[in-house]
Amino acid sequence: MGKGIATGNEIEMVGRRKKVLLFSMSLAVLALLFFVASREWGGLDEGSASDASYGPGHFEVDEADALRQQEAAIERLGAPLLAKGNRGNSSSLEVGFRWNPDNPGIAESEQDAAWLEKNGYPGADVQMYLMSLPVDSLKTLSENGNHPAQAIYALRLAQAGASHADTQDILLRSAASGSVYALKMAGDIYMTVDGYRDPAMANAFYGLQTRSGDQAGFAQRHLLGRGLSEEQRLRSEVLEELMWRNLKKTCISTPRPGFMELLEKGLQPANEMNNK
């Protein structure tokens, strides 16, 4: 037959090819639709998981803004977290600094986390939970000797305009019973809270934090001290000494891991430190 006329077999083969092509295209469309749908459903699940695992971040900028942002995040996210199932196990979130290598927070190691817990610091989950509580609940925990709650209760009182004497009394009593976190919180309050801002007083409390064995106080004092006048520096030193005389009998703790190494490094001659 001529080249322009298709045989029966050729027509049948073309028909089969069309069917295969249509079937393949149908599979591709179905796969595409499934992929899009799974992305949308997966995206919702991923978003929910992201919200549930969100915690306060580390800020290296202005600490006043950082603290306010952290508190706002805690207030905003604390309630949803509790609603998702933590409320039934609230007692485990009232105190402690549990080591989590995937989310260590400010802890450098498991030993560091143990020191932080012993000295009144809350882990990120504990801080988030306590920040979400009403003031009356914080007061109850505070009166029952909960160190993290005492510090956060003092912060909430300061933000509400309580007297300096009342706020200091809570923090100094907490510090006297072994909470280094109370001294750190006192420094933060006097550095950031409206109506309390007093760089000399904040610097004095960070000095007490350092004297109690927490090297983080060194960094706070260094950052804050650069902006102090000579008069403020002198006042800060006097305040620190006066408060320390009342605290040193009960507030001295085993130094935080890394504290002694930092001191030893500071004792090295400057040329040796520069060569390392």
C-alpha atoms as a PDB file:
ATOM      1  CA  MET A   1       0.000   0.000   0.000  1.00  0.00           C
ATOM      2  CA  GLY A   2       1.083   3.618  -0.385  1.00  0.00           C
ATOM      3  CA  LYS A   3       2.999   5.478   2.255  1.00  0.00           C
ATOM      4  CA  GLY A   4       0.098   7.909   2.825  1.00  0.00           C
ATOM      5  CA  ILE A   5      -2.331   5.156   3.827  1.00  0.00           C
ATOM      6  CA  ALA A   6      -2.059   3.718   7.374  1.00  0.00           C
ATOM      7  CA  THR A   7      -2.510   0.009   7.913  1.00  0.00           C
ATOM      8  CA  GLY A   8      -4.925  -1.419  10.482  1.00  0.00           C
ATOM      9  CA  ASN A   9      -2.040  -2.382  12.770  1.00  0.00           C
ATOM     10  CA  GLU A  10      -0.568   1.123  12.625  1.00  0.00           C
ATOM     11  CA  ILE A  11      -3.949   2.687  13.464  1.00  0.00           C
ATOM     12  CA  GLU A  12      -4.307   0.327  16.413  1.00  0.00           C
ATOM     13  CA  MET A  13      -0.781   1.183  17.684  1.00  0.00           C
ATOM     14  CA  VAL A  14      -1.512   4.914  17.472  1.00  0.00           C
ATOM     15  CA  GLY A  15      -4.716   4.377  19.451  1.00  0.00           C
ATOM     16  CA  ARG A  16      -2.837   2.492  22.158  1.00  0.00           C
ATOM     17  CA  ARG A  17      -0.216   5.222  22.381  1.00  0.00           C
ATOM     18  CA  LYS A  18      -2.933   7.861  22.817  1.00  0.00           C
ATOM     19  CA  LYS A  19      -4.504   5.857  25.626  1.00  0.00           C
ATOM     20  CA  VAL A  20      -1.134   5.413  27.380  1.00  0.00           C
ATOM     21  CA  LEU A  21      -0.415   9.134  26.995  1.00  0.00           C
ATOM     22  CA  LEU A  22      -3.817  10.117  28.394  1.00  0.00           C
ATOM     23  CA  PHE A  23      -3.399   7.704  31.299  1.00  0.00           C
ATOM     24  CA  SER A  24       0.078   9.085  32.105  1.00  0.00           C
ATOM     25  CA  MET A  25      -1.230  12.648  32.002  1.00  0.00           C
ATOM     26  CA  SER A  26      -4.055  11.702  34.349  1.00  0.00           C
ATOM     27  CA  LEU A  27      -1.586  10.208  36.818  1.00  0.00           C
ATOM     28  CA  ALA A  28       0.570  13.334  36.645  1.00  0.00           C
ATOM     29  CA  VAL A  29      -2.414  15.598  37.343  1.00  0.00           C
ATOM     30  CA  LEU A  30      -3.501  13.437  40.277  1.00  0.00           C
ATOM     31  CA  ALA A  31       0.035  13.442  41.672  1.00  0.00           C
ATOM     32  CA  LEU A  32       0.209  17.211  41.356  1.00  0.00           C
ATOM     33  CA  LEU A  33      -3.128  17.669  43.127  1.00  0.00           C
ATOM     34  CA  PHE A  34      -2.056  15.307  45.905  1.00  0.00           C
ATOM     35  CA  PHE A  35       1.249  17.155  46.317  1.00  0.00           C
ATOM     36  CA  VAL A  36      -0.460  20.551  46.595  1.00  0.00           C
ATOM     37  CA  ALA A  37      -3.022  19.258  49.063  1.00  0.00           C
ATOM     38  CA  SER A  38      -0.399  17.545  51.202  1.00  0.00           C
ATOM     39  CA  ARG A  39       1.692  20.731  51.273  1.00  0.00           C
ATOM     40  CA  GLU A  40      -1.307  22.717  52.512  1.00  0.00           C
ATOM     41  CA  TRP A  41      -2.206  20.181  55.195  1.00  0.00           C
ATOM     42  CA  GLY A  42       1.428  19.665  56.119  1.00  0.00           C
ATOM     43  CA  GLY A  43       1.993  23.408  56.280  1.00  0.00           C
ATOM     44  CA  LEU A  44      -0.816  23.793  58.797  1.00  0.00           C
ATOM     45  CA  ASP A  45       0.600  20.998  60.926  1.00  0.00           C
ATOM     46  CA  GLU A  46       4.090  22.432  60.720  1.00  0.00           C
ATOM     47  CA  GLY A  47       2.825  25.848  61.713  1.00  0.00           C
ATOM     48  CA  SER A  48       1.055  24.445  64.747  1.00  0.00           C
ATOM     49  CA  ALA A  49       4.135  22.544  65.788  1.00  0.00           C
ATOM     50  CA  SER A  50       6.226  25.668  65.362  1.00  0.00           C
ATOM     51  CA  ASP A  51       3.894  27.637  67.615  1.00  0.00           C
ATOM     52  CA  ALA A  52       3.907  24.910  70.229  1.00  0.00           C
ATOM     53  CA  SER A  53       7.690  24.727  70.381  1.00  0.00           C
ATOM     54  CA  TYR A  54       8.323  28.450  70.295  1.00  0.00           C
ATOM     55  CA  GLY A  55      10.339  29.774  73.206  1.00  0.00           C
ATOM     56  CA  PRO A  56      12.029  33.013  74.189  1.00  0.00           C
ATOM     57  CA  GLY A  57      14.997  33.732  71.990  1.00  0.00           C
ATOM     58  CA  HIS A  58      18.413  35.219  72.719  1.00  0.00           C
ATOM     59  CA  PHE A  59      18.754  38.919  72.034  1.00  0.00           C
ATOM     60  CA  GLU A  60      22.063  40.646  71.550  1.00  0.00           C
ATOM     61  CA  VAL A  61      20.709  44.155  71.073  1.00  0.00           C
ATOM     62  CA  ASP A  62      19.320  46.696  73.509  1.00  0.00           C
ATOM     63  CA  GLU A  63      18.469  44.702  76.633  1.00  0.00           C
ATOM     64  CA  ALA A  64      15.519  46.864  77.603  1.00  0.00           C
ATOM     65  CA  ASP A  65      13.848  46.145  74.270  1.00  0.00           C
ATOM     66  CA  ALA A  66      14.960  42.512  74.453  1.00  0.00           C
ATOM     67  CA  LEU A  67      13.380  41.956  77.838  1.00  0.00           C
ATOM     68  CA  ARG A  68      10.135  43.592  76.766  1.00  0.00           C
ATOM     69  CA  GLN A  69      10.035  41.512  73.582  1.00  0.00           C
ATOM     70  CA  GLN A  70      10.742  38.352  75.547  1.00  0.00           C
ATOM     71  CA  GLU A  71       8.020  39.082  78.080  1.00  0.00           C
ATOM     72  CA  ALA A  72       5.548  39.924  75.295  1.00  0.00           C
ATOM     73  CA  ALA A  73       6.326  36.635  73.565  1.00  0.00           C
ATOM     74  CA  ILE A  74       5.912  34.720  76.794  1.00  0.00           C
ATOM     75  CA  GLU A  75       2.600  36.416  77.580  1.00  0.00           C
ATOM     76  CA  ARG A  76       1.361  35.825  74.020  1.00  0.00           C
ATOM     77  CA  LEU A  77       2.396  32.203  73.762  1.00  0.00           C
ATOM     78  CA  GLY A  78       2.089  31.001  77.341  1.00  0.00           C
ATOM     79  CA  ALA A  79      -1.693  30.596  77.326  1.00  0.00           C
ATOM     80  CA  PRO A  80      -1.873  28.663  74.020  1.00  0.00           C
ATOM     81  CA  LEU A  81       0.831  26.320  75.256  1.00  0.00           C
ATOM     82  CA  LEU A  82      -1.076  25.590  78.439  1.00  0.00           C
ATOM     83  CA  ALA A  83      -4.261  25.040  76.460  1.00  0.00           C
ATOM     84  CA  LYS A  84      -2.462  22.432  74.342  1.00  0.00           C
ATOM     85  CA  GLY A  85      -1.967  20.078  77.261  1.00  0.00           C
ATOM     86  CA  ASN A  86       0.571  21.433  79.753  1.00  0.00           C
ATOM     87  CA  ARG A  87      -1.994  22.613  82.273  1.00  0.00           C
ATOM     88  CA  GLY A  88      -2.577  19.102  83.593  1.00  0.00           C
ATOM     89  CA  ASN A  89       1.106  18.827  84.497  1.00  0.00           C
ATOM     90  CA  SER A  90       1.514  22.360  85.814  1.00  0.00           C
ATOM     91  CA  SER A  91       3.431  21.356  88.950  1.00  0.00           C
ATOM     92  CA  SER A  92       6.362  20.184  86.813  1.00  0.00           C
ATOM     93  CA  LEU A  93       6.488  23.626  85.196  1.00  0.00           C
ATOM     94  CA  GLU A  94       6.527  25.628  88.407  1.00  0.00           C
ATOM     95  CA  VAL A  95      10.240  25.218  89.122  1.00  0.00           C
ATOM     96  CA  GLY A  96      13.405  23.715  87.673  1.00  0.00           C
ATOM     97  CA  PHE A  97      15.909  23.975  84.854  1.00  0.00           C
ATOM     98  CA  ARG A  98      15.820  20.697  82.973  1.00  0.00           C
ATOM     99  CA  TRP A  99      18.721  20.027  80.621  1.00  0.00           C
ATOM    100  CA  ASN A 100      17.774  19.680  76.972  1.00  0.00           C
ATOM    101  CA  PRO A 101      20.726  19.529  74.556  1.00  0.00           C
ATOM    102  CA  ASP A 102      18.417  20.421  71.659  1.00  0.00           C
ATOM    103  CA  ASN A 103      17.188  23.543  73.448  1.00  0.00           C
ATOM    104  CA  PRO A 104      19.752  24.375  76.163  1.00  0.00           C
ATOM    105  CA  GLY A 105      18.641  27.943  76.803  1.00  0.00           C
ATOM    106  CA  ILE A 106      21.344  29.766  78.773  1.00  0.00           C
ATOM    107  CA  ALA A 107      22.886  26.506  80.034  1.00  0.00           C
ATOM    108  CA  GLU A 108      26.254  25.520  78.604  1.00  0.00           C
ATOM    109  CA  SER A 109      26.087  21.892  79.749  1.00  0.00           C
ATOM    110  CA  GLU A 110      24.117  19.454  81.870  1.00  0.00           C
ATOM    111  CA  GLN A 111      26.243  20.452  84.873  1.00  0.00           C
ATOM    112  CA  ASP A 112      25.529  24.118  84.178  1.00  0.00           C
ATOM    113  CA  ALA A 113      21.789  23.423  83.993  1.00  0.00           C
ATOM    114  CA  ALA A 114      21.992  21.669  87.373  1.00  0.00           C
ATOM    115  CA  TRP A 115      23.743  24.714  88.877  1.00  0.00           C
ATOM    116  CA  LEU A 116      21.159  27.078  87.416  1.00  0.00           C
ATOM    117  CA  GLU A 117      18.301  25.009  88.837  1.00  0.00           C
ATOM    118  CA  LYS A 118      19.925  24.817  92.267  1.00  0.00           C
ATOM    119  CA  ASN A 119      20.359  28.585  92.333  1.00  0.00           C
ATOM    120  CA  GLY A 120      16.810  29.530  91.437  1.00  0.00           C
ATOM    121  CA  TYR A 121      16.968  29.938  87.653  1.00  0.00           C
ATOM    122  CA  PRO A 122      13.972  28.726  85.643  1.00  0.00           C
ATOM    123  CA  GLY A 123      14.294  26.853  82.393  1.00  0.00           C
ATOM    124  CA  ALA A 124      12.616  28.367  79.339  1.00  0.00           C
ATOM    125  CA  ASP A 125       9.514  26.207  79.824  1.00  0.00           C
ATOM    126  CA  VAL A 126       9.252  27.116  83.507  1.00  0.00           C
ATOM    127  CA  GLN A 127       9.743  30.811  82.804  1.00  0.00           C
ATOM    128  CA  MET A 128       7.090  30.692  80.090  1.00  0.00           C
ATOM    129  CA  TYR A 129       4.613  28.979  82.396  1.00  0.00           C
ATOM    130  CA  LEU A 130       5.239  31.332  85.329  1.00  0.00           C
ATOM    131  CA  MET A 131       4.966  34.406  83.118  1.00  0.00           C
ATOM    132  CA  SER A 132       1.549  33.196  81.983  1.00  0.00           C
ATOM    133  CA  LEU A 133       0.170  32.963  85.523  1.00  0.00           C
ATOM    134  CA  PRO A 134      -1.954  35.666  87.149  1.00  0.00           C
ATOM    135  CA  VAL A 135      -0.286  37.685  89.908  1.00  0.00           C
ATOM    136  CA  ASP A 136      -2.290  35.966  92.662  1.00  0.00           C
ATOM    137  CA  SER A 137      -0.990  32.556  91.583  1.00  0.00           C
ATOM    138  CA  LEU A 138       2.568  33.869  91.478  1.00  0.00           C
ATOM    139  CA  LYS A 139       2.114  35.298  94.960  1.00  0.00           C
ATOM    140  CA  THR A 140       0.981  31.908  96.279  1.00  0.00           C
ATOM    141  CA  LEU A 141       3.952  30.130  94.736  1.00  0.00           C
ATOM    142  CA  SER A 142       6.259  32.871  95.978  1.00  0.00           C
ATOM    143  CA  GLU A 143       5.004  32.562  99.540  1.00  0.00           C
ATOM    144  CA  ASN A 144       5.564  28.804  99.332  1.00  0.00           C
ATOM    145  CA  GLY A 145       9.275  29.339  98.648  1.00  0.00           C
ATOM    146  CA  ASN A 146       9.369  28.912  94.866  1.00  0.00           C
ATOM    147  CA  HIS A 147      12.517  30.830  93.846  1.00  0.00           C
ATOM    148  CA  PRO A 148      11.700  31.401  90.153  1.00  0.00           C
ATOM    149  CA  ALA A 149       8.183  32.489  91.084  1.00  0.00           C
ATOM    150  CA  GLN A 150       9.548  34.936  93.671  1.00  0.00           C
ATOM    151  CA  ALA A 151      11.698  36.685  91.079  1.00  0.00           C
ATOM    152  CA  ILE A 152       8.958  36.819  88.443  1.00  0.00           C
ATOM    153  CA  TYR A 153       6.415  37.938  91.049  1.00  0.00           C
ATOM    154  CA  ALA A 154       8.752  40.809  91.945  1.00  0.00           C
ATOM    155  CA  LEU A 155       9.042  41.721  88.273  1.00  0.00           C
ATOM    156  CA  ARG A 156       5.266  41.813  87.872  1.00  0.00           C
ATOM    157  CA  LEU A 157       4.909  43.958  91.000  1.00  0.00           C
ATOM    158  CA  ALA A 158       7.531  46.384  89.728  1.00  0.00           C
ATOM    159  CA  GLN A 159       5.798  46.637  86.367  1.00  0.00           C
ATOM    160  CA  ALA A 160       2.539  47.374  88.197  1.00  0.00           C
ATOM    161  CA  GLY A 161       4.153  50.238  90.098  1.00  0.00           C
ATOM    162  CA  ALA A 162       4.776  48.624  93.498  1.00  0.00           C
ATOM    163  CA  SER A 163       7.139  50.397  95.878  1.00  0.00           C
ATOM    164  CA  HIS A 164      10.864  49.798  95.555  1.00  0.00           C
ATOM    165  CA  ALA A 165      10.950  48.642  99.167  1.00  0.00           C
ATOM    166  CA  ASP A 166       8.358  45.895  98.601  1.00  0.00           C
ATOM    167  CA  THR A 167      10.024  44.672  95.409  1.00  0.00           C
ATOM    168  CA  GLN A 168      13.494  44.682  96.940  1.00  0.00           C
ATOM    169  CA  ASP A 169      12.268  42.886 100.045  1.00  0.00           C
ATOM    170  CA  ILE A 170      10.996  39.952  97.957  1.00  0.00           C
ATOM    171  CA  LEU A 171      14.181  39.751  95.896  1.00  0.00           C
ATOM    172  CA  LEU A 172      16.640  40.108  98.773  1.00  0.00           C
ATOM    173  CA  ARG A 173      14.789  37.542 100.882  1.00  0.00           C
ATOM    174  CA  SER A 174      14.851  35.173  97.921  1.00  0.00           C
ATOM    175  CA  ALA A 175      18.561  35.804  97.417  1.00  0.00           C
ATOM    176  CA  ALA A 176      19.242  35.229 101.108  1.00  0.00           C
ATOM    177  CA  SER A 177      17.575  31.820 100.817  1.00  0.00           C
ATOM    178  CA  GLY A 178      19.810  30.807  97.905  1.00  0.00           C
ATOM    179  CA  SER A 179      18.428  32.349  94.705  1.00  0.00           C
ATOM    180  CA  VAL A 180      21.100  33.929  92.524  1.00  0.00           C
ATOM    181  CA  TYR A 181      18.377  34.397  89.920  1.00  0.00           C
ATOM    182  CA  ALA A 182      16.708  36.915  92.261  1.00  0.00           C
ATOM    183  CA  LEU A 183      19.826  39.102  92.079  1.00  0.00           C
ATOM    184  CA  LYS A 184      19.927  38.860  88.307  1.00  0.00           C
ATOM    185  CA  MET A 185      16.226  39.739  88.117  1.00  0.00           C
ATOM    186  CA  ALA A 186      16.765  42.712  90.435  1.00  0.00           C
ATOM    187  CA  GLY A 187      19.414  44.029  88.054  1.00  0.00           C
ATOM    188  CA  ASP A 188      17.069  43.574  85.092  1.00  0.00           C
ATOM    189  CA  ILE A 189      14.260  45.403  86.899  1.00  0.00           C
ATOM    190  CA  TYR A 190      16.450  48.400  87.716  1.00  0.00           C
ATOM    191  CA  MET A 191      17.751  48.472  84.172  1.00  0.00           C
ATOM    192  CA  THR A 192      14.470  48.150  82.248  1.00  0.00           C
ATOM    193  CA  VAL A 193      11.284  48.799  84.241  1.00  0.00           C
ATOM    194  CA  ASP A 194       9.765  52.261  84.037  1.00  0.00           C
ATOM    195  CA  GLY A 195       9.764  53.951  87.425  1.00  0.00           C
ATOM    196  CA  TYR A 196      12.685  51.782  88.564  1.00  0.00           C
ATOM    197  CA  ARG A 197      15.391  52.650  86.062  1.00  0.00           C
ATOM    198  CA  ASP A 198      18.570  53.197  88.062  1.00  0.00           C
ATOM    199  CA  PRO A 199      21.795  52.127  86.331  1.00  0.00           C
ATOM    200  CA  ALA A 200      23.847  52.378  89.529  1.00  0.00           C
ATOM    201  CA  MET A 201      21.441  50.100  91.404  1.00  0.00           C
ATOM    202  CA  ALA A 202      21.259  47.671  88.477  1.00  0.00           C
ATOM    203  CA  ASN A 203      25.040  47.541  88.348  1.00  0.00           C
ATOM    204  CA  ALA A 204      25.168  46.853  92.100  1.00  0.00           C
ATOM    205  CA  PHE A 205      22.815  43.883  91.752  1.00  0.00           C
ATOM    206  CA  TYR A 206      24.792  42.470  88.833  1.00  0.00           C
ATOM    207  CA  GLY A 207      27.840  42.769  91.069  1.00  0.00           C
ATOM    208  CA  LEU A 208      26.042  40.710  93.725  1.00  0.00           C
ATOM    209  CA  GLN A 209      25.155  38.161  91.053  1.00  0.00           C
ATOM    210  CA  THR A 210      28.858  37.870  90.249  1.00  0.00           C
ATOM    211  CA  ARG A 211      29.890  37.630  93.904  1.00  0.00           C
ATOM    212  CA  SER A 212      27.410  34.784  94.283  1.00  0.00           C
ATOM    213  CA  GLY A 213      29.292  32.735  91.696  1.00  0.00           C
ATOM    214  CA  ASP A 214      27.556  33.536  88.402  1.00  0.00           C
ATOM    215  CA  GLN A 215      29.990  34.798  85.780  1.00  0.00           C
ATOM    216  CA  ALA A 216      27.117  36.189  83.706  1.00  0.00           C
ATOM    217  CA  GLY A 217      27.195  39.126  86.124  1.00  0.00           C
ATOM    218  CA  PHE A 218      30.628  40.091  84.787  1.00  0.00           C
ATOM    219  CA  ALA A 219      29.218  40.604  81.295  1.00  0.00           C
ATOM    220  CA  GLN A 220      26.220  42.566  82.584  1.00  0.00           C
ATOM    221  CA  ARG A 221      28.452  44.855  84.648  1.00  0.00           C
ATOM    222  CA  HIS A 222      30.803  45.385  81.734  1.00  0.00           C
ATOM    223  CA  LEU A 223      28.014  46.366  79.353  1.00  0.00           C
ATOM    224  CA  LEU A 224      26.293  48.616  81.868  1.00  0.00           C
ATOM    225  CA  GLY A 225      29.396  50.037  83.514  1.00  0.00           C
ATOM    226  CA  ARG A 226      30.666  51.697  80.343  1.00  0.00           C
ATOM    227  CA  GLY A 227      27.762  54.145  80.489  1.00  0.00           C
ATOM    228  CA  LEU A 228      28.062  55.047  84.175  1.00  0.00           C
ATOM    229  CA  SER A 229      29.423  58.371  85.338  1.00  0.00           C
ATOM    230  CA  GLU A 230      32.077  58.457  88.032  1.00  0.00           C
ATOM    231  CA  GLU A 231      29.439  59.424  90.587  1.00  0.00           C
ATOM    232  CA  GLN A 232      27.153  56.571  89.528  1.00  0.00           C
ATOM    233  CA  ARG A 233      30.056  54.117  89.614  1.00  0.00           C
ATOM    234  CA  LEU A 234      30.956  55.127  93.171  1.00  0.00           C
ATOM    235  CA  ARG A 235      27.327  54.910  94.312  1.00  0.00           C
ATOM    236  CA  SER A 236      27.014  51.487  92.712  1.00  0.00           C
ATOM    237  CA  GLU A 237      30.071  50.193  94.563  1.00  0.00           C
ATOM    238  CA  VAL A 238      28.781  51.509  97.893  1.00  0.00           C
ATOM    239  CA  LEU A 239      25.322  49.979  97.349  1.00  0.00           C
ATOM    240  CA  GLU A 240      26.813  46.649  96.353  1.00  0.00           C
ATOM    241  CA  GLU A 241      29.030  46.537  99.437  1.00  0.00           C
ATOM    242  CA  LEU A 242      26.180  47.441 101.792  1.00  0.00           C
ATOM    243  CA  MET A 243      23.878  44.760 100.379  1.00  0.00           C
ATOM    244  CA  TRP A 244      26.626  42.160 100.263  1.00  0.00           C
ATOM    245  CA  ARG A 245      27.325  42.553 103.976  1.00  0.00           C
ATOM    246  CA  ASN A 246      23.781  41.417 104.649  1.00  0.00           C
ATOM    247  CA  LEU A 247      23.797  38.632 102.061  1.00  0.00           C
ATOM    248  CA  LYS A 248      27.249  37.072 102.212  1.00  0.00           C
ATOM    249  CA  LYS A 249      26.486  34.833 105.197  1.00  0.00           C
ATOM    250  CA  THR A 250      23.775  32.975 103.309  1.00  0.00           C
ATOM    251  CA  CYS A 251      24.139  33.815  99.628  1.00  0.00           C
ATOM    252  CA  ILE A 252      27.558  32.371  98.768  1.00  0.00           C
ATOM    253  CA  SER A 253      27.115  29.302  96.556  1.00  0.00           C
ATOM    254  CA  THR A 254      29.398  26.916  94.737  1.00  0.00           C
ATOM    255  CA  PRO A 255      30.606  28.826  91.669  1.00  0.00           C
ATOM    256  CA  ARG A 256      28.846  28.172  88.396  1.00  0.00           C
ATOM    257  CA  PRO A 257      30.722  25.864  85.986  1.00  0.00           C
ATOM    258  CA  GLY A 258      33.229  27.993  84.094  1.00  0.00           C
ATOM    259  CA  PHE A 259      33.460  30.666  86.806  1.00  0.00           C
ATOM    260  CA  MET A 260      36.869  29.639  88.182  1.00  0.00           C
ATOM    261  CA  GLU A 261      38.269  29.098  84.683  1.00  0.00           C
ATOM    262  CA  LEU A 262      37.258  32.655  83.812  1.00  0.00           C
ATOM    263  CA  LEU A 263      39.018  33.982  86.911  1.00  0.00           C
ATOM    264  CA  GLU A 264      42.152  31.995  86.143  1.00  0.00           C
ATOM    265  CA  LYS A 265      42.165  33.316  82.593  1.00  0.00           C
ATOM    266  CA  GLY A 266      41.833  36.849  83.941  1.00  0.00           C
ATOM    267  CA  LEU A 267      44.906  36.335  86.132  1.00  0.00           C
ATOM    268  CA  GLN A 268      47.083  35.509  83.145  1.00  0.00           C
ATOM    269  CA  PRO A 269      49.376  38.249  81.830  1.00  0.00           C
ATOM    270  CA  ALA A 270      47.859  40.188  78.961  1.00  0.00           C
ATOM    271  CA  ASN A 271      50.462  38.991  76.453  1.00  0.00           C
ATOM    272  CA  GLU A 272      49.698  35.337  77.244  1.00  0.00           C
ATOM    273  CA  MET A 273      45.959  35.897  76.792  1.00  0.00           C
ATOM    274  CA  ASN A 274      46.532  37.619  73.443  1.00  0.00           C
ATOM    275  CA  ASN A 275      48.643  34.696  72.204  1.00  0.00           C
ATOM    276  CA  LYS A 276      45.818  32.201  72.814  1.00  0.00           C
END
